Amino acid sequence: MIDLALAAASIVVLAGLLYIYSTNFRTLRAPLSLGLIVFAGLFLVENAAAMYFYVSMADSGLGATAAMPMLALNFVELVGFSILFYVSWR
């Protein structure tokens, strides 16, 4: 369940980043902003897919073997996205 919560929190942070980057792109029309939109969008899709796979693998029993490594990765990913959000917001 913690893996799902971390993936959901990452999705929320990534949605905030998409908002910031979209606003910047509308204002500046910079290619970097467009690249950041694609970056955040792809990670948002990745986290949504991860949530789907966690739920689908939980029923088959395969989720337990991947749960701890994925928990560590999701935690580090969330911290990284949060720092990126903080820096982007400023």
Protein backbone atom coordinates (compact mmCIF):
# COMPACT_ATOMS: atom_id res chain seq x y z
CA MET A 1 0.00 0.00 0.00
CA ILE A 2 2.89 2.37 0.68
CA ASP A 3 4.08 1.87 -2.91
CA LEU A 4 0.66 2.97 -4.17
CA ALA A 5 0.67 6.01 -1.90
CA LEU A 6 4.14 7.06 -3.08
CA ALA A 7 3.16 6.61 -6.73
CA ALA A 8 -0.01 8.65 -6.14
CA ALA A 9 1.99 11.39 -4.42
CA SER A 10 4.41 11.43 -7.36
CA ILE A 11 1.47 11.84 -9.73
CA VAL A 12 0.25 14.85 -7.74
CA VAL A 13 3.71 16.46 -7.77
CA LEU A 14 4.09 15.73 -11.50
CA ALA A 15 0.69 17.28 -12.20
CA GLY A 16 1.93 20.41 -10.43
CA LEU A 17 5.10 20.37 -12.52
CA LEU A 18 3.05 20.00 -15.69
CA TYR A 19 1.02 23.04 -14.67
CA ILE A 20 4.16 25.11 -14.04
CA TYR A 21 5.85 24.00 -17.26
CA SER A 22 2.70 24.54 -19.34
CA THR A 23 2.33 28.05 -17.96
CA ASN A 24 5.98 28.76 -18.73
CA PHE A 25 5.62 27.40 -22.24
CA ARG A 26 2.55 29.56 -22.95
CA THR A 27 4.43 32.61 -21.71
CA LEU A 28 7.92 31.99 -23.11
CA ARG A 29 7.45 29.56 -26.02
CA ALA A 30 10.87 28.14 -25.15
CA PRO A 31 11.81 24.67 -26.44
CA LEU A 32 13.17 23.82 -22.99
CA SER A 33 9.69 24.28 -21.50
CA LEU A 34 8.24 21.94 -24.11
CA GLY A 35 10.91 19.37 -23.27
CA LEU A 36 10.07 19.66 -19.57
CA ILE A 37 6.37 19.12 -20.35
CA VAL A 38 7.24 15.90 -22.19
CA PHE A 39 9.58 14.86 -19.35
CA ALA A 40 6.92 15.36 -16.66
CA GLY A 41 4.20 13.81 -18.83
CA LEU A 42 6.18 10.65 -19.44
CA PHE A 43 6.95 10.24 -15.75
CA LEU A 44 3.27 10.81 -14.96
CA VAL A 45 2.35 7.98 -17.35
CA GLU A 46 5.06 5.80 -15.79
CA ASN A 47 3.68 6.33 -12.29
CA ALA A 48 0.11 5.64 -13.41
CA ALA A 49 1.30 2.41 -15.05
CA ALA A 50 3.22 1.50 -11.88
CA MET A 51 0.05 1.91 -9.83
CA TYR A 52 -1.81 -0.34 -12.26
CA PHE A 53 0.90 -3.01 -12.10
CA TYR A 54 1.04 -2.88 -8.29
CA VAL A 55 -2.68 -3.57 -8.12
CA SER A 56 -2.64 -6.27 -10.79
CA MET A 57 0.41 -8.04 -9.34
CA ALA A 58 -0.97 -7.95 -5.80
CA ASP A 59 -3.64 -10.50 -6.73
CA SER A 60 -1.12 -12.91 -8.28
CA GLY A 61 1.31 -12.80 -5.37
CA LEU A 62 4.14 -11.45 -7.51
CA GLY A 63 3.92 -8.00 -5.94
CA ALA A 64 5.58 -9.06 -2.70
CA THR A 65 8.92 -9.81 -4.34
CA ALA A 66 9.06 -6.43 -6.05
CA ALA A 67 7.54 -4.38 -3.24
CA MET A 68 10.64 -3.47 -1.24
CA PRO A 69 12.92 -2.51 -4.14
CA MET A 70 10.08 -0.53 -5.73
CA LEU A 71 9.35 1.17 -2.41
CA ALA A 72 12.92 2.47 -2.26
CA LEU A 73 12.82 3.60 -5.89
CA ASN A 74 9.45 5.31 -5.48
CA PHE A 75 10.66 7.11 -2.37
CA VAL A 76 13.78 8.43 -4.10
CA GLU A 77 11.73 9.39 -7.15
CA LEU A 78 9.22 11.29 -5.02
CA VAL A 79 11.99 13.17 -3.21
CA GLY A 80 13.59 14.09 -6.54
CA PHE A 81 10.29 15.27 -8.04
CA SER A 82 9.51 17.26 -4.90
CA ILE A 83 12.86 19.05 -5.07
CA LEU A 84 12.31 19.73 -8.78
CA PHE A 85 8.84 21.09 -7.97
CA TYR A 86 10.23 23.36 -5.25
CA VAL A 87 12.95 24.73 -7.53
CA SER A 88 10.50 25.17 -10.43
CA TRP A 89 7.95 26.93 -8.26
CA ARG A 90 10.50 29.51 -7.14
